[in-house]
Amino acid sequence: MKNYADRYEDFTRATVKLAEQIHNANKDKINAKYTLPEITLALRNIYKDPIFHNKFVGSKMSENKWSSGFCAMASVVIYEMYGASDVWDMMAIRGNDWVRGSVVFLRDKATGINFGTTGEHFYPETIPYELGKPLDINRLRTPNKDMFQRVLQMELGRK
């Protein structure tokens, strides 16, 4: 059986592949500083940092939940950095709709692909994206979004 770190890296590769599909469908209609695969990989790298996790999630990072707590913040930042409403619908599974709790994610308008950079911490379950409903981005509480985005941009600048 794979350990969590191996599953995390497998999920990262799969998520970057989805990001590539979405990017290929949208790259000609938007002007973003970074590609969606670049943003995705940078996010997946910083989720592994315990200091980053503790600062933005407000709890100690457990061994098997590196990306836990980032779905809303990451979705908002991706939305703003990569095409906004030209590319995305903001979506959410409400806590009453899924026993595992609320999940915020994006749906690409061009491909219909549901996209989130978190979720491996639900293993062996997969997120039931079909339960998602549109969400007004202005209703999301992301008080540390600007700081989160600065950390992400620093990570993106390292390459």
N, C-alpha and C. Protein backbone atom coordinates (compact mmCIF):
# COMPACT_ATOMS: atom_id res chain seq x y z
N MET A 1 0.84 -1.19 0.00
CA MET A 1 0.00 0.00 0.00
C MET A 1 0.88 1.25 0.00
N LYS A 2 0.49 2.24 -0.78
CA LYS A 2 1.27 3.46 -0.87
C LYS A 2 1.12 4.29 0.40
N ASN A 3 2.20 4.97 0.74
CA ASN A 3 2.09 5.89 1.86
C ASN A 3 1.48 7.20 1.37
N TYR A 4 1.17 8.07 2.30
CA TYR A 4 0.50 9.31 1.95
C TYR A 4 1.34 10.16 0.99
N ALA A 5 2.62 10.26 1.22
CA ALA A 5 3.47 11.09 0.36
C ALA A 5 3.41 10.61 -1.09
N ASP A 6 3.40 9.31 -1.31
CA ASP A 6 3.29 8.78 -2.67
C ASP A 6 1.93 9.09 -3.28
N ARG A 7 0.87 8.92 -2.50
CA ARG A 7 -0.48 9.26 -3.00
C ARG A 7 -0.57 10.75 -3.32
N TYR A 8 0.04 11.56 -2.48
CA TYR A 8 0.04 13.01 -2.69
C TYR A 8 0.69 13.34 -4.03
N GLU A 9 1.83 12.74 -4.30
CA GLU A 9 2.53 13.01 -5.56
C GLU A 9 1.74 12.47 -6.76
N ASP A 10 1.10 11.32 -6.61
CA ASP A 10 0.23 10.78 -7.68
C ASP A 10 -0.91 11.76 -7.97
N PHE A 11 -1.53 12.27 -6.91
CA PHE A 11 -2.63 13.22 -7.07
C PHE A 11 -2.12 14.51 -7.73
N THR A 12 -0.93 14.93 -7.34
CA THR A 12 -0.34 16.13 -7.94
C THR A 12 -0.17 15.94 -9.44
N ARG A 13 0.39 14.83 -9.85
CA ARG A 13 0.57 14.57 -11.30
C ARG A 13 -0.77 14.56 -12.02
N ALA A 14 -1.77 13.91 -11.44
CA ALA A 14 -3.10 13.84 -12.08
C ALA A 14 -3.74 15.23 -12.16
N THR A 15 -3.57 16.03 -11.13
CA THR A 15 -4.15 17.37 -11.10
C THR A 15 -3.46 18.28 -12.11
N VAL A 16 -2.15 18.16 -12.24
CA VAL A 16 -1.43 18.95 -13.24
C VAL A 16 -1.88 18.56 -14.65
N LYS A 17 -2.14 17.28 -14.88
CA LYS A 17 -2.66 16.85 -16.20
C LYS A 17 -4.02 17.48 -16.49
N LEU A 18 -4.90 17.52 -15.50
CA LEU A 18 -6.18 18.20 -15.68
C LEU A 18 -5.96 19.69 -15.97
N ALA A 19 -5.03 20.28 -15.24
CA ALA A 19 -4.71 21.70 -15.46
C ALA A 19 -4.23 21.93 -16.89
N GLU A 20 -3.44 21.01 -17.42
CA GLU A 20 -2.96 21.13 -18.80
C GLU A 20 -4.14 21.09 -19.78
N GLN A 21 -5.09 20.18 -19.55
CA GLN A 21 -6.27 20.11 -20.44
C GLN A 21 -7.05 21.42 -20.40
N ILE A 22 -7.26 21.94 -19.21
CA ILE A 22 -8.01 23.19 -19.07
C ILE A 22 -7.23 24.34 -19.69
N HIS A 23 -5.94 24.38 -19.44
CA HIS A 23 -5.11 25.44 -20.01
C HIS A 23 -5.15 25.40 -21.54
N ASN A 24 -5.04 24.22 -22.12
CA ASN A 24 -5.06 24.11 -23.59
C ASN A 24 -6.39 24.58 -24.17
N ALA A 25 -7.47 24.41 -23.44
CA ALA A 25 -8.78 24.84 -23.92
C ALA A 25 -9.00 26.35 -23.76
N ASN A 26 -8.20 27.00 -22.92
CA ASN A 26 -8.44 28.41 -22.60
C ASN A 26 -7.30 29.36 -22.94
N LYS A 27 -6.14 28.86 -23.27
CA LYS A 27 -4.96 29.72 -23.38
C LYS A 27 -5.08 30.82 -24.43
N ASP A 28 -5.87 30.62 -25.45
CA ASP A 28 -5.99 31.63 -26.49
C ASP A 28 -6.96 32.75 -26.14
N LYS A 29 -7.76 32.58 -25.11
CA LYS A 29 -8.74 33.61 -24.78
C LYS A 29 -8.42 34.40 -23.52
N ILE A 30 -7.34 34.05 -22.83
CA ILE A 30 -6.99 34.80 -21.63
C ILE A 30 -5.52 35.22 -21.68
N ASN A 31 -5.20 36.20 -20.87
CA ASN A 31 -3.82 36.67 -20.76
C ASN A 31 -3.43 36.58 -19.29
N ALA A 32 -2.90 35.44 -18.90
CA ALA A 32 -2.51 35.23 -17.51
C ALA A 32 -0.98 35.19 -17.42
N LYS A 33 -0.45 35.70 -16.34
CA LYS A 33 1.00 35.72 -16.15
C LYS A 33 1.57 34.30 -16.05
N TYR A 34 0.81 33.40 -15.43
CA TYR A 34 1.25 32.02 -15.24
C TYR A 34 0.24 31.07 -15.88
N THR A 35 0.71 29.92 -16.31
CA THR A 35 -0.19 28.91 -16.84
C THR A 35 -0.89 28.21 -15.68
N LEU A 36 -2.01 27.59 -15.96
CA LEU A 36 -2.71 26.84 -14.92
C LEU A 36 -1.86 25.68 -14.39
N PRO A 37 -1.14 24.94 -15.24
CA PRO A 37 -0.27 23.90 -14.67
C PRO A 37 0.80 24.47 -13.73
N GLU A 38 1.36 25.63 -14.05
CA GLU A 38 2.36 26.24 -13.17
C GLU A 38 1.75 26.61 -11.82
N ILE A 39 0.57 27.21 -11.84
CA ILE A 39 -0.11 27.60 -10.60
C ILE A 39 -0.42 26.35 -9.78
N THR A 40 -0.92 25.33 -10.44
CA THR A 40 -1.30 24.08 -9.76
C THR A 40 -0.10 23.44 -9.07
N LEU A 41 0.99 23.31 -9.79
CA LEU A 41 2.19 22.69 -9.21
C LEU A 41 2.72 23.52 -8.04
N ALA A 42 2.72 24.84 -8.17
CA ALA A 42 3.19 25.69 -7.08
C ALA A 42 2.30 25.52 -5.84
N LEU A 43 0.99 25.48 -6.03
CA LEU A 43 0.10 25.26 -4.90
C LEU A 43 0.39 23.92 -4.23
N ARG A 44 0.50 22.88 -5.02
CA ARG A 44 0.76 21.55 -4.46
C ARG A 44 2.09 21.52 -3.70
N ASN A 45 3.07 22.29 -4.15
CA ASN A 45 4.35 22.35 -3.45
C ASN A 45 4.22 23.06 -2.10
N ILE A 46 3.48 24.16 -2.07
CA ILE A 46 3.41 24.91 -0.81
C ILE A 46 2.48 24.27 0.21
N TYR A 47 1.52 23.45 -0.22
CA TYR A 47 0.68 22.77 0.77
C TYR A 47 1.52 21.89 1.69
N LYS A 48 2.64 21.40 1.21
CA LYS A 48 3.48 20.48 2.00
C LYS A 48 4.28 21.19 3.09
N ASP A 49 4.28 22.51 3.09
CA ASP A 49 5.06 23.29 4.05
C ASP A 49 4.26 23.46 5.34
N PRO A 50 4.73 22.88 6.45
CA PRO A 50 3.97 22.96 7.70
C PRO A 50 3.75 24.41 8.18
N ILE A 51 4.71 25.28 7.97
CA ILE A 51 4.56 26.68 8.39
C ILE A 51 3.44 27.34 7.61
N PHE A 52 3.42 27.11 6.29
CA PHE A 52 2.38 27.65 5.44
C PHE A 52 1.01 27.11 5.87
N HIS A 53 0.94 25.81 6.11
CA HIS A 53 -0.31 25.18 6.52
C HIS A 53 -0.81 25.78 7.83
N ASN A 54 0.05 25.86 8.81
CA ASN A 54 -0.35 26.37 10.12
C ASN A 54 -0.83 27.81 10.03
N LYS A 55 -0.18 28.61 9.19
CA LYS A 55 -0.53 30.02 9.05
C LYS A 55 -1.91 30.20 8.41
N PHE A 56 -2.21 29.43 7.37
CA PHE A 56 -3.43 29.66 6.61
C PHE A 56 -4.60 28.77 7.00
N VAL A 57 -4.32 27.62 7.57
CA VAL A 57 -5.41 26.73 7.99
C VAL A 57 -5.68 26.89 9.48
N GLY A 58 -4.66 27.29 10.22
CA GLY A 58 -4.85 27.54 11.64
C GLY A 58 -4.79 26.31 12.51
N SER A 59 -4.22 25.23 11.96
CA SER A 59 -4.05 24.03 12.77
C SER A 59 -2.78 23.33 12.33
N LYS A 60 -2.27 22.50 13.20
CA LYS A 60 -1.08 21.74 12.83
C LYS A 60 -1.40 20.79 11.69
N MET A 61 -0.45 20.65 10.80
CA MET A 61 -0.64 19.79 9.64
C MET A 61 -0.47 18.33 10.06
N SER A 62 -1.48 17.54 9.83
CA SER A 62 -1.36 16.12 10.14
C SER A 62 -0.70 15.42 8.95
N GLU A 63 -0.17 14.26 9.20
CA GLU A 63 0.60 13.55 8.18
C GLU A 63 -0.22 13.26 6.92
N ASN A 64 -1.50 13.05 7.06
CA ASN A 64 -2.28 12.65 5.89
C ASN A 64 -3.28 13.70 5.42
N LYS A 65 -3.04 14.96 5.73
CA LYS A 65 -3.99 15.99 5.31
C LYS A 65 -3.27 17.26 4.87
N TRP A 66 -2.24 17.15 4.07
CA TRP A 66 -1.45 18.31 3.69
C TRP A 66 -2.28 19.39 3.03
N SER A 67 -3.19 19.04 2.14
CA SER A 67 -3.95 20.06 1.43
C SER A 67 -5.28 20.39 2.09
N SER A 68 -5.59 19.74 3.20
CA SER A 68 -6.85 19.97 3.89
C SER A 68 -6.96 21.42 4.34
N GLY A 69 -8.11 22.01 4.07
CA GLY A 69 -8.36 23.37 4.52
C GLY A 69 -8.08 24.45 3.49
N PHE A 70 -7.56 24.07 2.33
CA PHE A 70 -7.18 25.06 1.32
C PHE A 70 -8.14 25.17 0.14
N CYS A 71 -9.20 24.40 0.10
CA CYS A 71 -10.01 24.35 -1.13
C CYS A 71 -10.60 25.70 -1.51
N ALA A 72 -11.17 26.43 -0.56
CA ALA A 72 -11.78 27.72 -0.89
C ALA A 72 -10.73 28.75 -1.27
N MET A 73 -9.70 28.87 -0.46
CA MET A 73 -8.66 29.87 -0.73
C MET A 73 -7.98 29.60 -2.06
N ALA A 74 -7.61 28.36 -2.32
CA ALA A 74 -6.94 28.02 -3.58
C ALA A 74 -7.86 28.27 -4.77
N SER A 75 -9.13 27.92 -4.63
CA SER A 75 -10.07 28.14 -5.73
C SER A 75 -10.22 29.62 -6.06
N VAL A 76 -10.32 30.45 -5.03
CA VAL A 76 -10.45 31.90 -5.25
C VAL A 76 -9.19 32.45 -5.92
N VAL A 77 -8.03 32.04 -5.45
CA VAL A 77 -6.78 32.55 -6.02
C VAL A 77 -6.61 32.09 -7.47
N ILE A 78 -6.91 30.84 -7.75
CA ILE A 78 -6.84 30.36 -9.14
C ILE A 78 -7.82 31.14 -10.00
N TYR A 79 -9.02 31.32 -9.52
CA TYR A 79 -10.05 32.06 -10.23
C TYR A 79 -9.53 33.45 -10.63
N GLU A 80 -8.94 34.14 -9.67
CA GLU A 80 -8.46 35.50 -9.92
C GLU A 80 -7.20 35.54 -10.78
N MET A 81 -6.32 34.58 -10.62
CA MET A 81 -5.05 34.58 -11.38
C MET A 81 -5.19 33.99 -12.78
N TYR A 82 -6.25 33.23 -13.00
CA TYR A 82 -6.35 32.51 -14.26
C TYR A 82 -7.75 32.61 -14.87
N GLY A 83 -8.08 33.78 -15.38
CA GLY A 83 -9.26 33.93 -16.22
C GLY A 83 -10.56 34.34 -15.59
N ALA A 84 -10.68 34.25 -14.29
CA ALA A 84 -11.90 34.64 -13.57
C ALA A 84 -13.15 34.06 -14.24
N SER A 85 -14.18 34.87 -14.37
CA SER A 85 -15.46 34.36 -14.89
C SER A 85 -15.42 34.03 -16.38
N ASP A 86 -14.37 34.44 -17.08
CA ASP A 86 -14.23 34.05 -18.48
C ASP A 86 -13.93 32.55 -18.60
N VAL A 87 -13.30 32.00 -17.57
CA VAL A 87 -12.88 30.60 -17.59
C VAL A 87 -13.72 29.74 -16.64
N TRP A 88 -14.04 30.26 -15.46
CA TRP A 88 -14.52 29.43 -14.36
C TRP A 88 -15.94 29.74 -13.90
N ASP A 89 -16.57 28.70 -13.37
CA ASP A 89 -17.72 28.81 -12.48
C ASP A 89 -17.22 28.36 -11.12
N MET A 90 -17.47 29.18 -10.08
CA MET A 90 -17.13 28.79 -8.72
C MET A 90 -18.23 27.84 -8.23
N MET A 91 -17.83 26.71 -7.67
CA MET A 91 -18.77 25.67 -7.27
C MET A 91 -18.50 25.26 -5.82
N ALA A 92 -19.52 24.67 -5.21
CA ALA A 92 -19.34 24.15 -3.85
C ALA A 92 -20.26 22.98 -3.60
N ILE A 93 -19.75 22.04 -2.85
CA ILE A 93 -20.58 20.98 -2.27
C ILE A 93 -20.82 21.44 -0.84
N ARG A 94 -22.05 21.62 -0.49
CA ARG A 94 -22.37 22.08 0.86
C ARG A 94 -22.24 20.93 1.85
N GLY A 95 -21.96 21.30 3.08
CA GLY A 95 -21.76 20.30 4.13
C GLY A 95 -22.92 19.34 4.32
N ASN A 96 -24.13 19.82 4.08
CA ASN A 96 -25.30 18.94 4.23
C ASN A 96 -25.45 17.97 3.07
N ASP A 97 -24.75 18.23 1.97
CA ASP A 97 -24.89 17.39 0.77
C ASP A 97 -23.90 16.22 0.72
N TRP A 98 -22.85 16.29 1.54
CA TRP A 98 -21.85 15.22 1.54
C TRP A 98 -21.38 15.01 2.97
N VAL A 99 -21.35 13.80 3.38
CA VAL A 99 -21.02 13.46 4.75
C VAL A 99 -19.62 13.94 5.16
N ARG A 100 -18.70 14.08 4.20
CA ARG A 100 -17.33 14.49 4.52
C ARG A 100 -17.18 16.00 4.69
N GLY A 101 -18.23 16.76 4.39
CA GLY A 101 -18.18 18.20 4.61
C GLY A 101 -18.21 19.01 3.33
N SER A 102 -18.01 20.30 3.50
CA SER A 102 -18.04 21.24 2.38
C SER A 102 -16.75 21.18 1.58
N VAL A 103 -16.89 21.39 0.26
CA VAL A 103 -15.74 21.45 -0.63
C VAL A 103 -16.02 22.54 -1.67
N VAL A 104 -15.06 23.43 -1.85
CA VAL A 104 -15.15 24.46 -2.88
C VAL A 104 -14.21 24.07 -4.01
N PHE A 105 -14.69 24.25 -5.25
CA PHE A 105 -13.88 23.90 -6.42
C PHE A 105 -14.31 24.76 -7.60
N LEU A 106 -13.63 24.60 -8.70
CA LEU A 106 -13.92 25.35 -9.92
C LEU A 106 -14.42 24.41 -11.01
N ARG A 107 -15.26 24.92 -11.88
CA ARG A 107 -15.67 24.17 -13.07
C ARG A 107 -15.27 25.00 -14.28
N ASP A 108 -14.47 24.40 -15.15
CA ASP A 108 -14.04 25.08 -16.37
C ASP A 108 -15.22 25.15 -17.34
N LYS A 109 -15.51 26.35 -17.80
CA LYS A 109 -16.64 26.55 -18.71
C LYS A 109 -16.41 25.92 -20.07
N ALA A 110 -15.17 25.92 -20.54
CA ALA A 110 -14.88 25.41 -21.89
C ALA A 110 -14.97 23.90 -21.98
N THR A 111 -14.53 23.21 -20.94
CA THR A 111 -14.45 21.74 -20.99
C THR A 111 -15.45 21.05 -20.08
N GLY A 112 -15.97 21.77 -19.09
CA GLY A 112 -16.84 21.15 -18.08
C GLY A 112 -16.07 20.39 -17.02
N ILE A 113 -14.75 20.46 -17.05
CA ILE A 113 -13.93 19.75 -16.07
C ILE A 113 -14.06 20.42 -14.71
N ASN A 114 -14.32 19.61 -13.69
CA ASN A 114 -14.30 20.08 -12.31
C ASN A 114 -12.86 20.09 -11.85
N PHE A 115 -12.45 21.17 -11.19
CA PHE A 115 -11.03 21.33 -10.88
C PHE A 115 -10.83 21.87 -9.48
N GLY A 116 -9.98 21.19 -8.75
CA GLY A 116 -9.54 21.63 -7.43
C GLY A 116 -8.14 21.10 -7.20
N THR A 117 -7.35 21.83 -6.45
CA THR A 117 -5.98 21.40 -6.20
C THR A 117 -5.83 20.68 -4.87
N THR A 118 -6.95 20.42 -4.22
CA THR A 118 -6.94 19.68 -2.95
C THR A 118 -7.82 18.44 -3.12
N GLY A 119 -7.85 17.60 -2.14
CA GLY A 119 -8.78 16.48 -2.19
C GLY A 119 -8.19 15.12 -1.93
N GLU A 120 -6.88 14.98 -2.03
CA GLU A 120 -6.31 13.65 -1.80
C GLU A 120 -6.48 13.22 -0.36
N HIS A 121 -6.70 14.17 0.54
CA HIS A 121 -6.87 13.81 1.95
C HIS A 121 -8.18 13.07 2.22
N PHE A 122 -9.07 13.00 1.23
CA PHE A 122 -10.30 12.21 1.37
C PHE A 122 -10.09 10.74 1.00
N TYR A 123 -8.92 10.39 0.51
CA TYR A 123 -8.63 9.02 0.08
C TYR A 123 -9.11 8.03 1.13
N PRO A 124 -9.73 6.93 0.74
CA PRO A 124 -9.90 6.40 -0.60
C PRO A 124 -11.13 6.95 -1.34
N GLU A 125 -11.87 7.84 -0.70
CA GLU A 125 -13.02 8.43 -1.38
C GLU A 125 -12.55 9.50 -2.37
N THR A 126 -13.34 9.70 -3.40
CA THR A 126 -13.11 10.82 -4.30
C THR A 126 -14.23 11.83 -4.09
N ILE A 127 -13.94 13.06 -4.37
CA ILE A 127 -14.92 14.12 -4.17
C ILE A 127 -16.07 13.93 -5.16
N PRO A 128 -17.30 13.91 -4.68
CA PRO A 128 -18.46 13.77 -5.58
C PRO A 128 -18.84 15.12 -6.21
N TYR A 129 -18.05 15.54 -7.17
CA TYR A 129 -18.24 16.85 -7.79
C TYR A 129 -19.65 17.05 -8.35
N GLU A 130 -20.31 15.96 -8.71
CA GLU A 130 -21.66 16.08 -9.26
C GLU A 130 -22.64 16.69 -8.26
N LEU A 131 -22.29 16.70 -6.98
CA LEU A 131 -23.13 17.32 -5.96
C LEU A 131 -22.94 18.83 -5.88
N GLY A 132 -21.94 19.35 -6.60
CA GLY A 132 -21.63 20.77 -6.54
C GLY A 132 -22.70 21.66 -7.13
N LYS A 133 -22.82 22.84 -6.54
CA LYS A 133 -23.76 23.86 -7.01
C LYS A 133 -23.01 25.17 -7.16
N PRO A 134 -23.46 26.02 -8.06
CA PRO A 134 -22.79 27.33 -8.23
C PRO A 134 -22.74 28.10 -6.91
N LEU A 135 -21.66 28.83 -6.75
CA LEU A 135 -21.41 29.60 -5.53
C LEU A 135 -20.99 31.01 -5.92
N ASP A 136 -21.56 31.99 -5.27
CA ASP A 136 -21.17 33.38 -5.50
C ASP A 136 -19.81 33.60 -4.84
N ILE A 137 -18.80 33.91 -5.64
CA ILE A 137 -17.44 34.08 -5.12
C ILE A 137 -17.38 35.17 -4.05
N ASN A 138 -18.26 36.14 -4.13
CA ASN A 138 -18.27 37.23 -3.15
C ASN A 138 -18.76 36.78 -1.78
N ARG A 139 -19.35 35.60 -1.70
CA ARG A 139 -19.84 35.09 -0.42
C ARG A 139 -18.77 34.27 0.32
N LEU A 140 -17.67 33.98 -0.35
CA LEU A 140 -16.61 33.20 0.30
C LEU A 140 -15.80 34.10 1.23
N ARG A 141 -15.53 33.60 2.41
CA ARG A 141 -14.70 34.33 3.36
C ARG A 141 -13.26 33.86 3.21
N THR A 142 -12.44 34.70 2.65
CA THR A 142 -11.01 34.38 2.47
C THR A 142 -10.19 35.57 2.97
N PRO A 143 -10.14 35.77 4.30
CA PRO A 143 -9.52 36.98 4.85
C PRO A 143 -8.02 37.10 4.59
N ASN A 144 -7.32 36.01 4.39
CA ASN A 144 -5.87 36.07 4.16
C ASN A 144 -5.50 35.85 2.70
N LYS A 145 -6.46 36.11 1.81
CA LYS A 145 -6.25 35.82 0.39
C LYS A 145 -5.05 36.55 -0.20
N ASP A 146 -4.88 37.82 0.11
CA ASP A 146 -3.78 38.58 -0.47
C ASP A 146 -2.42 38.02 -0.03
N MET A 147 -2.31 37.68 1.24
CA MET A 147 -1.07 37.10 1.74
C MET A 147 -0.84 35.72 1.12
N PHE A 148 -1.89 34.93 1.02
CA PHE A 148 -1.82 33.61 0.39
C PHE A 148 -1.32 33.75 -1.05
N GLN A 149 -1.87 34.72 -1.78
CA GLN A 149 -1.48 34.92 -3.17
C GLN A 149 -0.03 35.38 -3.27
N ARG A 150 0.44 36.20 -2.33
CA ARG A 150 1.85 36.62 -2.34
C ARG A 150 2.78 35.43 -2.13
N VAL A 151 2.43 34.54 -1.21
CA VAL A 151 3.24 33.34 -0.99
C VAL A 151 3.25 32.48 -2.27
N LEU A 152 2.11 32.33 -2.88
CA LEU A 152 2.02 31.56 -4.13
C LEU A 152 2.88 32.21 -5.23
N GLN A 153 2.83 33.52 -5.35
CA GLN A 153 3.63 34.19 -6.38
C GLN A 153 5.12 34.06 -6.11
N MET A 154 5.51 34.04 -4.84
CA MET A 154 6.93 33.80 -4.50
C MET A 154 7.33 32.41 -4.95
N GLU A 155 6.47 31.43 -4.71
CA GLU A 155 6.76 30.06 -5.14
C GLU A 155 6.84 29.98 -6.66
N LEU A 156 5.94 30.65 -7.35
CA LEU A 156 5.96 30.66 -8.81
C LEU A 156 7.23 31.34 -9.34
N GLY A 157 7.74 32.32 -8.63
CA GLY A 157 8.95 33.04 -9.05
C GLY A 157 10.22 32.25 -8.85
N ARG A 158 10.17 31.16 -8.13
CA ARG A 158 11.38 30.35 -7.86
C ARG A 158 11.85 29.53 -9.04
N LYS A 159 10.97 29.32 -10.03
CA LYS A 159 11.37 28.44 -11.12
C LYS A 159 12.27 29.12 -12.11
